[in-house]
Amino acid sequence: MEWTDGGMNPDQTSSSSPLRVGIVGRGRVGTALASALRDAGVDVDGPLGRGERPGRCDAVLLCVPDAEIAAAAEVVTAAAPLVGHTSGATPLSALAHAGVPAFGLHPLQSFAHPGVGFEGAGAAVAGSTPEALAFATGLAERLGMTPFEIDDEGRAAYHAAASVASNFLVTLQAAAEAIAAGAGLDREEARELLMPLVRQTIENVAELGPEAALTGPIARGDEATVAAQRAAVEEAAPQLVELFDELVRQTRALAAQRSPA
């Protein structure tokens, strides 16, 4: 292991002393992280069950629910000179019971199954000391992620943005499938037909930005079609009318930001 400026550099290890990281948490994130770190040449202890204590490591990374981070940190006290968590919303102060410098490494990725990869994803990193931050940054880079620093004050906004981009997108797709029933499509059929549209829309946003990627009746000012859509939603899925109305309002506001053609 190479030490620089009083801290560990996870990108530079020696064959006699490889980087060793303990992973606590056998959920999807912990399982995926343990596998990816091993593939990256890291010696991994775990994933361990909650309440289990890893052997002596260079760092311990807690991949447990937010409400359990403080208790898990107390269990791993003195197991390593650094302790971290993978939460996007929880401040580093939750790791205080471990009694060592703390770091955060939140993969900006959706882990619907443990086989999801890390390569190319963003990673929100933080550290209670410069060395802890450097360790989190190096570990993220070792996994092929793009690290960016988030302080505790910005965590709630960052995590809310991630939820809107990922979780709420899933909710919207479920709503679209429910509304498609009004056209006689079952959920599986609607999903298969809508997915190419969803994928292209995401590519358009990535390439052009939201304003330029916006298409459809609201973007072109076709209020008659919007009214017909609302009536169809009210008939097929009345519980979604309020959501539809709010999305129309927000989409009109987005359309107003578009540059004139």
C-alpha atoms as a PDB file:
ATOM      1  CA  MET A   1       0.000   0.000   0.000  1.00  0.00           C
ATOM      2  CA  GLU A   2       1.330   3.453  -0.876  1.00  0.00           C
ATOM      3  CA  TRP A   3       0.707   6.312   1.493  1.00  0.00           C
ATOM      4  CA  THR A   4       0.794   9.919   0.282  1.00  0.00           C
ATOM      5  CA  ASP A   5       0.378  13.086   2.360  1.00  0.00           C
ATOM      6  CA  GLY A   6      -0.626  10.973   5.310  1.00  0.00           C
ATOM      7  CA  GLY A   7      -3.319   9.062   3.410  1.00  0.00           C
ATOM      8  CA  MET A   8      -3.811   6.006   1.271  1.00  0.00           C
ATOM      9  CA  ASN A   9      -3.798   6.133  -2.491  1.00  0.00           C
ATOM     10  CA  PRO A  10      -6.105   3.320  -3.710  1.00  0.00           C
ATOM     11  CA  ASP A  11      -4.756   3.614  -7.253  1.00  0.00           C
ATOM     12  CA  GLN A  12      -1.209   2.673  -6.279  1.00  0.00           C
ATOM     13  CA  THR A  13      -0.646  -0.590  -4.439  1.00  0.00           C
ATOM     14  CA  SER A  14       2.197  -3.047  -4.194  1.00  0.00           C
ATOM     15  CA  SER A  15       1.990  -6.778  -4.713  1.00  0.00           C
ATOM     16  CA  SER A  16       3.093  -7.341  -1.121  1.00  0.00           C
ATOM     17  CA  SER A  17       0.438  -5.035   0.345  1.00  0.00           C
ATOM     18  CA  PRO A  18      -2.690  -4.818  -1.841  1.00  0.00           C
ATOM     19  CA  LEU A  19      -5.511  -2.477  -0.997  1.00  0.00           C
ATOM     20  CA  ARG A  20      -7.983  -4.213   1.308  1.00  0.00           C
ATOM     21  CA  VAL A  21     -11.548  -2.919   1.703  1.00  0.00           C
ATOM     22  CA  GLY A  22     -14.262  -4.318   3.922  1.00  0.00           C
ATOM     23  CA  ILE A  23     -17.805  -4.191   2.527  1.00  0.00           C
ATOM     24  CA  VAL A  24     -20.678  -4.340   5.035  1.00  0.00           C
ATOM     25  CA  GLY A  25     -24.100  -4.973   3.523  1.00  0.00           C
ATOM     26  CA  ARG A  26     -25.283  -7.808   1.310  1.00  0.00           C
ATOM     27  CA  GLY A  27     -27.863  -5.837  -0.624  1.00  0.00           C
ATOM     28  CA  ARG A  28     -27.643  -4.940  -4.283  1.00  0.00           C
ATOM     29  CA  VAL A  29     -25.136  -2.106  -3.831  1.00  0.00           C
ATOM     30  CA  GLY A  30     -22.849  -4.026  -1.457  1.00  0.00           C
ATOM     31  CA  THR A  31     -22.892  -7.124  -3.638  1.00  0.00           C
ATOM     32  CA  ALA A  32     -22.197  -5.124  -6.803  1.00  0.00           C
ATOM     33  CA  LEU A  33     -19.423  -3.102  -5.154  1.00  0.00           C
ATOM     34  CA  ALA A  34     -17.674  -6.154  -3.754  1.00  0.00           C
ATOM     35  CA  SER A  35     -17.671  -7.795  -7.176  1.00  0.00           C
ATOM     36  CA  ALA A  36     -16.517  -4.669  -9.013  1.00  0.00           C
ATOM     37  CA  LEU A  37     -13.718  -3.960  -6.536  1.00  0.00           C
ATOM     38  CA  ARG A  38     -12.432  -7.529  -6.836  1.00  0.00           C
ATOM     39  CA  ASP A  39     -12.462  -7.160 -10.609  1.00  0.00           C
ATOM     40  CA  ALA A  40     -10.423  -3.959 -10.133  1.00  0.00           C
ATOM     41  CA  GLY A  41      -7.747  -5.831  -8.152  1.00  0.00           C
ATOM     42  CA  VAL A  42      -8.857  -4.871  -4.651  1.00  0.00           C
ATOM     43  CA  ASP A  43      -8.736  -7.399  -1.817  1.00  0.00           C
ATOM     44  CA  VAL A  44     -12.320  -7.395  -0.508  1.00  0.00           C
ATOM     45  CA  ASP A  45     -13.609  -8.684   2.818  1.00  0.00           C
ATOM     46  CA  GLY A  46     -17.305  -9.236   2.212  1.00  0.00           C
ATOM     47  CA  PRO A  47     -19.931  -8.421   1.498  1.00  0.00           C
ATOM     48  CA  LEU A  48     -20.622  -9.018   5.182  1.00  0.00           C
ATOM     49  CA  GLY A  49     -23.987  -9.122   6.845  1.00  0.00           C
ATOM     50  CA  ARG A  50     -25.210  -6.200   8.921  1.00  0.00           C
ATOM     51  CA  GLY A  51     -23.709  -6.379  12.375  1.00  0.00           C
ATOM     52  CA  GLU A  52     -20.679  -8.342  11.172  1.00  0.00           C
ATOM     53  CA  ARG A  53     -17.235  -6.884  11.689  1.00  0.00           C
ATOM     54  CA  PRO A  54     -14.615  -7.148   8.932  1.00  0.00           C
ATOM     55  CA  GLY A  55     -11.028  -8.143   9.551  1.00  0.00           C
ATOM     56  CA  ARG A  56      -8.340  -5.496   9.537  1.00  0.00           C
ATOM     57  CA  CYS A  57      -8.712  -3.427   6.369  1.00  0.00           C
ATOM     58  CA  ASP A  58      -7.435  -0.201   4.868  1.00  0.00           C
ATOM     59  CA  ALA A  59     -11.016   1.070   4.747  1.00  0.00           C
ATOM     60  CA  VAL A  60     -14.520  -0.163   5.539  1.00  0.00           C
ATOM     61  CA  LEU A  61     -17.427   0.817   3.301  1.00  0.00           C
ATOM     62  CA  LEU A  62     -20.939   0.557   4.745  1.00  0.00           C
ATOM     63  CA  CYS A  63     -23.594  -0.329   2.171  1.00  0.00           C
ATOM     64  CA  VAL A  64     -26.553  -0.399   4.549  1.00  0.00           C
ATOM     65  CA  PRO A  65     -29.860   1.523   4.727  1.00  0.00           C
ATOM     66  CA  ASP A  66     -29.476   5.124   5.878  1.00  0.00           C
ATOM     67  CA  ALA A  67     -31.172   4.490   9.205  1.00  0.00           C
ATOM     68  CA  GLU A  68     -28.615   1.777  10.031  1.00  0.00           C
ATOM     69  CA  ILE A  69     -25.415   3.658   9.157  1.00  0.00           C
ATOM     70  CA  ALA A  70     -24.697   5.018  12.645  1.00  0.00           C
ATOM     71  CA  ALA A  71     -25.141   1.623  14.311  1.00  0.00           C
ATOM     72  CA  ALA A  72     -23.053  -0.110  11.638  1.00  0.00           C
ATOM     73  CA  ALA A  73     -20.288   2.465  12.102  1.00  0.00           C
ATOM     74  CA  GLU A  74     -20.161   1.662  15.811  1.00  0.00           C
ATOM     75  CA  VAL A  75     -19.784  -2.058  15.057  1.00  0.00           C
ATOM     76  CA  VAL A  76     -16.746  -1.491  12.823  1.00  0.00           C
ATOM     77  CA  THR A  77     -14.928   0.834  15.247  1.00  0.00           C
ATOM     78  CA  ALA A  78     -11.140   0.401  14.901  1.00  0.00           C
ATOM     79  CA  ALA A  79     -11.497  -2.132  12.072  1.00  0.00           C
ATOM     80  CA  ALA A  80      -9.828   0.297   9.664  1.00  0.00           C
ATOM     81  CA  PRO A  81      -8.230   3.764   9.597  1.00  0.00           C
ATOM     82  CA  LEU A  82     -11.060   4.970   7.331  1.00  0.00           C
ATOM     83  CA  VAL A  83     -14.799   4.277   7.253  1.00  0.00           C
ATOM     84  CA  GLY A  84     -17.235   5.290   4.550  1.00  0.00           C
ATOM     85  CA  HIS A  85     -20.828   4.921   3.450  1.00  0.00           C
ATOM     86  CA  THR A  86     -22.575   4.759   0.084  1.00  0.00           C
ATOM     87  CA  SER A  87     -25.565   6.934   0.995  1.00  0.00           C
ATOM     88  CA  GLY A  88     -26.390   9.921  -1.162  1.00  0.00           C
ATOM     89  CA  ALA A  89     -28.462  11.670   1.503  1.00  0.00           C
ATOM     90  CA  THR A  90     -26.836  10.886   4.876  1.00  0.00           C
ATOM     91  CA  PRO A  91     -24.145  13.268   6.193  1.00  0.00           C
ATOM     92  CA  LEU A  92     -20.715  12.018   7.183  1.00  0.00           C
ATOM     93  CA  SER A  93     -21.519  12.798  10.816  1.00  0.00           C
ATOM     94  CA  ALA A  94     -23.476   9.522  10.894  1.00  0.00           C
ATOM     95  CA  LEU A  95     -20.101   7.761  10.848  1.00  0.00           C
ATOM     96  CA  ALA A  96     -18.803   9.529  13.952  1.00  0.00           C
ATOM     97  CA  HIS A  97     -19.144   6.419  16.155  1.00  0.00           C
ATOM     98  CA  ALA A  98     -16.362   4.735  14.163  1.00  0.00           C
ATOM     99  CA  GLY A  99     -13.896   7.226  15.626  1.00  0.00           C
ATOM    100  CA  VAL A 100     -11.810   7.551  12.447  1.00  0.00           C
ATOM    101  CA  PRO A 101     -11.818   9.854   9.390  1.00  0.00           C
ATOM    102  CA  ALA A 102     -14.946   9.324   7.298  1.00  0.00           C
ATOM    103  CA  PHE A 103     -15.713   9.392   3.598  1.00  0.00           C
ATOM    104  CA  GLY A 104     -18.732   9.091   1.352  1.00  0.00           C
ATOM    105  CA  LEU A 105     -18.966   7.389  -2.032  1.00  0.00           C
ATOM    106  CA  HIS A 106     -22.426   7.398  -3.591  1.00  0.00           C
ATOM    107  CA  PRO A 107     -22.598   5.776  -7.043  1.00  0.00           C
ATOM    108  CA  LEU A 108     -24.963   7.801  -9.231  1.00  0.00           C
ATOM    109  CA  GLN A 109     -26.416   4.643 -10.672  1.00  0.00           C
ATOM    110  CA  SER A 110     -29.638   2.625 -10.451  1.00  0.00           C
ATOM    111  CA  PHE A 111     -29.122  -0.780  -8.846  1.00  0.00           C
ATOM    112  CA  ALA A 112     -32.266  -2.668  -9.789  1.00  0.00           C
ATOM    113  CA  HIS A 113     -30.118  -5.830  -9.722  1.00  0.00           C
ATOM    114  CA  PRO A 114     -26.606  -6.566  -8.392  1.00  0.00           C
ATOM    115  CA  GLY A 115     -25.176  -7.042 -11.884  1.00  0.00           C
ATOM    116  CA  VAL A 116     -25.325  -3.306 -12.654  1.00  0.00           C
ATOM    117  CA  GLY A 117     -21.894  -1.889 -13.461  1.00  0.00           C
ATOM    118  CA  PHE A 118     -20.105   1.234 -12.261  1.00  0.00           C
ATOM    119  CA  GLU A 119     -18.071   2.115 -15.358  1.00  0.00           C
ATOM    120  CA  GLY A 120     -18.976   5.573 -16.642  1.00  0.00           C
ATOM    121  CA  ALA A 121     -21.297   6.465 -13.755  1.00  0.00           C
ATOM    122  CA  GLY A 122     -20.881   9.532 -11.593  1.00  0.00           C
ATOM    123  CA  ALA A 123     -19.839   9.192  -7.958  1.00  0.00           C
ATOM    124  CA  ALA A 124     -20.651  11.770  -5.286  1.00  0.00           C
ATOM    125  CA  VAL A 125     -17.656  11.803  -2.941  1.00  0.00           C
ATOM    126  CA  ALA A 126     -16.955  13.508   0.375  1.00  0.00           C
ATOM    127  CA  GLY A 127     -14.399  13.273   3.154  1.00  0.00           C
ATOM    128  CA  SER A 128     -14.039  14.531   6.694  1.00  0.00           C
ATOM    129  CA  THR A 129     -10.328  15.064   5.982  1.00  0.00           C
ATOM    130  CA  PRO A 130      -8.413  15.743   2.755  1.00  0.00           C
ATOM    131  CA  GLU A 131      -6.979  12.214   2.951  1.00  0.00           C
ATOM    132  CA  ALA A 132     -10.431  10.655   3.330  1.00  0.00           C
ATOM    133  CA  LEU A 133     -11.702  12.640   0.341  1.00  0.00           C
ATOM    134  CA  ALA A 134      -8.677  11.602  -1.701  1.00  0.00           C
ATOM    135  CA  PHE A 135      -9.318   7.960  -0.841  1.00  0.00           C
ATOM    136  CA  ALA A 136     -12.985   8.162  -1.920  1.00  0.00           C
ATOM    137  CA  THR A 137     -11.975   9.908  -5.144  1.00  0.00           C
ATOM    138  CA  GLY A 138      -9.314   7.328  -5.950  1.00  0.00           C
ATOM    139  CA  LEU A 139     -11.638   4.414  -5.206  1.00  0.00           C
ATOM    140  CA  ALA A 140     -14.310   5.861  -7.491  1.00  0.00           C
ATOM    141  CA  GLU A 141     -11.777   6.315 -10.278  1.00  0.00           C
ATOM    142  CA  ARG A 142     -10.518   2.778  -9.800  1.00  0.00           C
ATOM    143  CA  LEU A 143     -14.058   1.587 -10.514  1.00  0.00           C
ATOM    144  CA  GLY A 144     -14.224   3.695 -13.674  1.00  0.00           C
ATOM    145  CA  MET A 145     -16.591   6.282 -12.203  1.00  0.00           C
ATOM    146  CA  THR A 146     -16.409  10.065 -12.488  1.00  0.00           C
ATOM    147  CA  PRO A 147     -16.077  11.503  -8.969  1.00  0.00           C
ATOM    148  CA  PHE A 148     -17.480  14.903  -7.981  1.00  0.00           C
ATOM    149  CA  GLU A 149     -17.472  16.415  -4.513  1.00  0.00           C
ATOM    150  CA  ILE A 150     -20.725  17.003  -2.598  1.00  0.00           C
ATOM    151  CA  ASP A 151     -20.685  18.573   0.858  1.00  0.00           C
ATOM    152  CA  ASP A 152     -23.249  17.825   3.551  1.00  0.00           C
ATOM    153  CA  GLU A 153     -25.174  21.035   2.844  1.00  0.00           C
ATOM    154  CA  GLY A 154     -25.748  20.015  -0.755  1.00  0.00           C
ATOM    155  CA  ARG A 155     -26.633  16.367  -0.139  1.00  0.00           C
ATOM    156  CA  ALA A 156     -30.428  16.763   0.055  1.00  0.00           C
ATOM    157  CA  ALA A 157     -30.631  18.709  -3.222  1.00  0.00           C
ATOM    158  CA  TYR A 158     -28.243  16.309  -4.951  1.00  0.00           C
ATOM    159  CA  HIS A 159     -30.207  13.270  -3.798  1.00  0.00           C
ATOM    160  CA  ALA A 160     -33.527  14.857  -4.752  1.00  0.00           C
ATOM    161  CA  ALA A 161     -32.200  15.490  -8.262  1.00  0.00           C
ATOM    162  CA  ALA A 162     -31.141  11.848  -8.515  1.00  0.00           C
ATOM    163  CA  SER A 163     -34.581  10.696  -7.357  1.00  0.00           C
ATOM    164  CA  VAL A 164     -36.338  12.880  -9.927  1.00  0.00           C
ATOM    165  CA  ALA A 165     -34.060  11.635 -12.709  1.00  0.00           C
ATOM    166  CA  SER A 166     -34.330   7.950 -11.797  1.00  0.00           C
ATOM    167  CA  ASN A 167     -37.119   7.029  -9.361  1.00  0.00           C
ATOM    168  CA  PHE A 168     -39.679   9.462 -10.708  1.00  0.00           C
ATOM    169  CA  LEU A 169     -38.939   8.359 -14.255  1.00  0.00           C
ATOM    170  CA  VAL A 170     -39.967   4.848 -13.211  1.00  0.00           C
ATOM    171  CA  THR A 171     -43.154   6.251 -11.668  1.00  0.00           C
ATOM    172  CA  LEU A 172     -43.939   8.108 -14.900  1.00  0.00           C
ATOM    173  CA  GLN A 173     -43.489   4.955 -16.955  1.00  0.00           C
ATOM    174  CA  ALA A 174     -45.883   3.110 -14.670  1.00  0.00           C
ATOM    175  CA  ALA A 175     -48.376   5.949 -15.181  1.00  0.00           C
ATOM    176  CA  ALA A 176     -47.935   5.762 -18.962  1.00  0.00           C
ATOM    177  CA  GLU A 177     -48.652   2.035 -18.906  1.00  0.00           C
ATOM    178  CA  ALA A 178     -51.802   2.595 -16.846  1.00  0.00           C
ATOM    179  CA  ILE A 179     -53.061   5.269 -19.255  1.00  0.00           C
ATOM    180  CA  ALA A 180     -52.297   3.052 -22.262  1.00  0.00           C
ATOM    181  CA  ALA A 181     -54.978   0.686 -21.004  1.00  0.00           C
ATOM    182  CA  GLY A 182     -57.436   3.234 -22.411  1.00  0.00           C
ATOM    183  CA  ALA A 183     -56.122   2.285 -25.861  1.00  0.00           C
ATOM    184  CA  GLY A 184     -56.620  -1.419 -25.183  1.00  0.00           C
ATOM    185  CA  LEU A 185     -52.950  -2.142 -24.464  1.00  0.00           C
ATOM    186  CA  ASP A 186     -51.965  -4.324 -21.530  1.00  0.00           C
ATOM    187  CA  ARG A 187     -48.969  -3.278 -19.425  1.00  0.00           C
ATOM    188  CA  GLU A 188     -46.453  -5.608 -21.055  1.00  0.00           C
ATOM    189  CA  GLU A 189     -47.496  -4.587 -24.557  1.00  0.00           C
ATOM    190  CA  ALA A 190     -47.468  -0.898 -23.661  1.00  0.00           C
ATOM    191  CA  ARG A 191     -44.018  -1.238 -22.119  1.00  0.00           C
ATOM    192  CA  GLU A 192     -42.593  -2.910 -25.212  1.00  0.00           C
ATOM    193  CA  LEU A 193     -44.035  -0.247 -27.491  1.00  0.00           C
ATOM    194  CA  LEU A 194     -43.092   2.744 -25.345  1.00  0.00           C
ATOM    195  CA  MET A 195     -39.501   1.785 -24.555  1.00  0.00           C
ATOM    196  CA  PRO A 196     -38.000   2.810 -27.930  1.00  0.00           C
ATOM    197  CA  LEU A 197     -39.636   6.216 -27.449  1.00  0.00           C
ATOM    198  CA  VAL A 198     -38.276   6.491 -23.910  1.00  0.00           C
ATOM    199  CA  ARG A 199     -34.759   5.530 -24.974  1.00  0.00           C
ATOM    200  CA  GLN A 200     -34.706   8.025 -27.850  1.00  0.00           C
ATOM    201  CA  THR A 201     -36.071  10.770 -25.628  1.00  0.00           C
ATOM    202  CA  ILE A 202     -33.295  10.174 -23.090  1.00  0.00           C
ATOM    203  CA  GLU A 203     -30.707  10.275 -25.886  1.00  0.00           C
ATOM    204  CA  ASN A 204     -32.212  13.539 -27.144  1.00  0.00           C
ATOM    205  CA  VAL A 205     -31.995  15.112 -23.681  1.00  0.00           C
ATOM    206  CA  ALA A 206     -28.396  13.942 -23.285  1.00  0.00           C
ATOM    207  CA  GLU A 207     -27.436  15.422 -26.661  1.00  0.00           C
ATOM    208  CA  LEU A 208     -29.571  18.556 -26.811  1.00  0.00           C
ATOM    209  CA  GLY A 209     -30.696  19.418 -23.275  1.00  0.00           C
ATOM    210  CA  PRO A 210     -34.311  19.432 -22.027  1.00  0.00           C
ATOM    211  CA  GLU A 211     -35.542  22.555 -23.819  1.00  0.00           C
ATOM    212  CA  ALA A 212     -34.384  21.521 -27.294  1.00  0.00           C
ATOM    213  CA  ALA A 213     -35.401  17.878 -26.764  1.00  0.00           C
ATOM    214  CA  LEU A 214     -39.012  18.745 -25.960  1.00  0.00           C
ATOM    215  CA  THR A 215     -41.511  17.686 -28.632  1.00  0.00           C
ATOM    216  CA  GLY A 216     -45.258  16.993 -28.699  1.00  0.00           C
ATOM    217  CA  PRO A 217     -48.501  18.969 -28.514  1.00  0.00           C
ATOM    218  CA  ILE A 218     -47.492  21.284 -25.658  1.00  0.00           C
ATOM    219  CA  ALA A 219     -44.257  22.243 -27.408  1.00  0.00           C
ATOM    220  CA  ARG A 220     -46.162  23.158 -30.558  1.00  0.00           C
ATOM    221  CA  GLY A 221     -49.038  24.882 -28.741  1.00  0.00           C
ATOM    222  CA  ASP A 222     -51.712  22.340 -29.715  1.00  0.00           C
ATOM    223  CA  GLU A 223     -54.095  22.880 -26.807  1.00  0.00           C
ATOM    224  CA  ALA A 224     -56.945  20.932 -28.420  1.00  0.00           C
ATOM    225  CA  THR A 225     -54.838  17.777 -28.395  1.00  0.00           C
ATOM    226  CA  VAL A 226     -53.773  18.379 -24.796  1.00  0.00           C
ATOM    227  CA  ALA A 227     -57.444  18.695 -23.816  1.00  0.00           C
ATOM    228  CA  ALA A 228     -58.273  15.445 -25.611  1.00  0.00           C
ATOM    229  CA  GLN A 229     -55.392  13.729 -23.818  1.00  0.00           C
ATOM    230  CA  ARG A 230     -56.647  14.950 -20.446  1.00  0.00           C
ATOM    231  CA  ALA A 231     -60.118  13.584 -21.136  1.00  0.00           C
ATOM    232  CA  ALA A 232     -58.613  10.217 -22.064  1.00  0.00           C
ATOM    233  CA  VAL A 233     -56.554  10.145 -18.858  1.00  0.00           C
ATOM    234  CA  GLU A 234     -59.634  10.998 -16.816  1.00  0.00           C
ATOM    235  CA  GLU A 235     -61.459   8.037 -18.342  1.00  0.00           C
ATOM    236  CA  ALA A 236     -58.637   5.469 -18.315  1.00  0.00           C
ATOM    237  CA  ALA A 237     -56.845   6.395 -15.073  1.00  0.00           C
ATOM    238  CA  PRO A 238     -58.696   9.123 -13.140  1.00  0.00           C
ATOM    239  CA  GLN A 239     -56.236   8.835 -10.242  1.00  0.00           C
ATOM    240  CA  LEU A 240     -53.575  10.265 -12.567  1.00  0.00           C
ATOM    241  CA  VAL A 241     -55.423  13.426 -13.672  1.00  0.00           C
ATOM    242  CA  GLU A 242     -53.796  15.568 -10.985  1.00  0.00           C
ATOM    243  CA  LEU A 243     -50.350  14.299 -12.019  1.00  0.00           C
ATOM    244  CA  PHE A 244     -51.171  14.913 -15.689  1.00  0.00           C
ATOM    245  CA  ASP A 245     -52.281  18.484 -14.971  1.00  0.00           C
ATOM    246  CA  GLU A 246     -49.105  19.288 -13.029  1.00  0.00           C
ATOM    247  CA  LEU A 247     -46.910  17.779 -15.749  1.00  0.00           C
ATOM    248  CA  VAL A 248     -48.733  19.877 -18.347  1.00  0.00           C
ATOM    249  CA  ARG A 249     -48.055  23.022 -16.287  1.00  0.00           C
ATOM    250  CA  GLN A 250     -44.375  22.189 -15.885  1.00  0.00           C
ATOM    251  CA  THR A 251     -44.029  21.253 -19.562  1.00  0.00           C
ATOM    252  CA  ARG A 252     -45.615  24.536 -20.644  1.00  0.00           C
ATOM    253  CA  ALA A 253     -43.052  26.355 -18.512  1.00  0.00           C
ATOM    254  CA  LEU A 254     -40.254  24.361 -20.124  1.00  0.00           C
ATOM    255  CA  ALA A 255     -41.630  25.063 -23.602  1.00  0.00           C
ATOM    256  CA  ALA A 256     -41.634  28.788 -22.822  1.00  0.00           C
ATOM    257  CA  GLN A 257     -37.860  28.595 -22.274  1.00  0.00           C
ATOM    258  CA  ARG A 258     -37.228  27.319 -25.778  1.00  0.00           C
ATOM    259  CA  SER A 259     -35.414  29.599 -28.177  1.00  0.00           C
ATOM    260  CA  PRO A 260     -37.553  30.820 -31.079  1.00  0.00           C
ATOM    261  CA  ALA A 261     -37.152  28.690 -34.194  1.00  0.00           C
END
